[in-house]
Every structure is written in structure tokens, then in C-alpha cells.
């Protein structure tokens, strides 16, 4: 039996944060996570040919803003090796 270990980003990106992103916008929700997570640093994440805001944690994982359908921004958690 294998146990999947969640990254810091996956643990912090809770349904409550995703709901806040829908209500207040992805950038405001990302800022709220950043102010609570003192062990994170601001970074730029490349999606396609554009760069978007994100935060990186000690384990290398990210929570970042990603473009979605119909010019909608979403928050996603990525591991240290995927972007």
C-alpha cells in the first residue's frame, strides 16, 4: 500500500480558499494565502507564453494563478517538478 504525500501547496489550497477565489478573485485569495503562510515567497510562474503571480513553499511546490476559460483566473497547486 502506498501513501500519497501531499505537498504544502496541496494542503493549503483548501475548498475554502477556492471558494474565496471565486468570490473575491484569484489574486485576492492568493494574497490571503501568502499573508498566512510566512514560510512562502512570491514568485512568477510561466503558463504558456505569459507569466502569472504565484507563491512558492519550502518543498518547492507552488500555488499560482492560472488562466482559465473565458478570461477567468484560477488558483492551482503544482508540485516542484510541474509548472
Protein backbone atom coordinates (compact mmCIF):
# COMPACT_ATOMS: atom_id res chain seq x y z
CA UNK A 1 0.00 0.00 0.00
CA UNK A 2 1.38 3.39 -0.98
CA UNK A 3 0.54 6.58 0.81
CA UNK A 4 0.43 9.74 -1.28
CA UNK A 5 2.17 12.59 0.50
CA UNK A 6 0.59 15.95 -0.22
CA UNK A 7 2.75 18.98 -0.87
CA UNK A 8 2.42 22.13 1.21
CA UNK A 9 0.61 23.82 -1.68
CA UNK A 10 -1.93 20.99 -1.96
CA UNK A 11 -2.58 21.12 1.79
CA UNK A 12 -3.12 24.89 1.82
CA UNK A 13 -5.32 25.04 -1.27
CA UNK A 14 -8.47 24.08 0.58
CA UNK A 15 -12.07 24.26 -0.66
CA UNK A 16 -12.48 27.42 1.46
CA UNK A 17 -9.63 29.13 -0.41
CA UNK A 18 -11.07 28.05 -3.76
CA UNK A 19 -14.46 29.46 -2.74
CA UNK A 20 -12.78 32.72 -1.71
CA UNK A 21 -11.08 32.83 -5.12
CA UNK A 22 -14.49 32.57 -6.81
CA UNK A 23 -15.96 35.34 -4.63
CA UNK A 24 -13.06 37.78 -4.26
CA UNK A 25 -10.91 36.88 -7.24
CA UNK A 26 -7.87 34.66 -7.62
CA UNK A 27 -5.32 37.38 -6.88
CA UNK A 28 -7.00 38.42 -3.63
CA UNK A 29 -7.25 34.79 -2.49
CA UNK A 30 -3.58 34.23 -3.38
CA UNK A 31 -2.64 37.28 -1.30
CA UNK A 32 -4.66 35.93 1.63
CA UNK A 33 -2.77 32.61 1.49
CA UNK A 34 0.55 34.46 1.22
CA UNK A 35 -0.11 36.57 4.33
CA UNK A 36 -0.98 33.47 6.36
CA UNK A 37 1.91 31.31 5.11
CA UNK A 38 5.01 33.01 6.48
CA UNK A 39 7.30 30.35 5.03
CA UNK A 40 6.34 31.18 1.44
CA UNK A 41 7.91 33.52 -1.08
CA UNK A 42 6.42 35.39 -4.00
CA UNK A 43 7.35 34.11 -7.46
CA UNK A 44 6.33 34.38 -11.09
CA UNK A 45 5.06 31.20 -12.78
CA UNK A 46 5.04 30.71 -16.54
CA UNK A 47 1.86 29.37 -18.14
CA UNK A 48 2.22 29.18 -21.91
CA UNK A 49 3.99 32.35 -23.03
CA UNK A 50 2.80 34.54 -20.13
CA UNK A 51 3.88 34.90 -16.52
CA UNK A 52 1.43 34.88 -13.61
CA UNK A 53 1.66 35.50 -9.86
CA UNK A 54 2.34 32.65 -7.50
CA UNK A 55 3.85 31.69 -4.17
CA UNK A 56 6.48 29.02 -3.63
CA UNK A 57 6.88 26.95 -0.48
CA UNK A 58 9.93 25.33 1.12
CA UNK A 59 9.25 21.96 -0.52
CA UNK A 60 9.29 23.59 -3.98
CA UNK A 61 5.53 23.39 -4.55
CA UNK A 62 3.54 26.39 -5.79
CA UNK A 63 0.10 27.89 -5.55
CA UNK A 64 -0.29 30.05 -8.60
CA UNK A 65 -2.78 31.94 -10.65
CA UNK A 66 -3.56 30.19 -13.91
CA UNK A 67 -5.62 31.39 -16.87
CA UNK A 68 -8.91 29.58 -17.24
CA UNK A 69 -11.71 29.55 -19.77
CA UNK A 70 -13.43 32.80 -20.72
CA UNK A 71 -10.64 35.04 -19.30
CA UNK A 72 -11.22 33.64 -15.82
CA UNK A 73 -8.26 33.23 -13.44
CA UNK A 74 -8.00 30.12 -11.26
CA UNK A 75 -5.77 29.05 -8.38
CA UNK A 76 -3.87 25.78 -8.82
CA UNK A 77 -1.39 23.84 -6.73
CA UNK A 78 1.61 22.42 -8.55
CA UNK A 79 4.43 20.25 -7.35
CA UNK A 80 8.06 21.20 -7.51
CA UNK A 81 8.59 19.48 -10.86
CA UNK A 82 5.40 20.54 -12.68
CA UNK A 83 4.54 24.01 -13.89
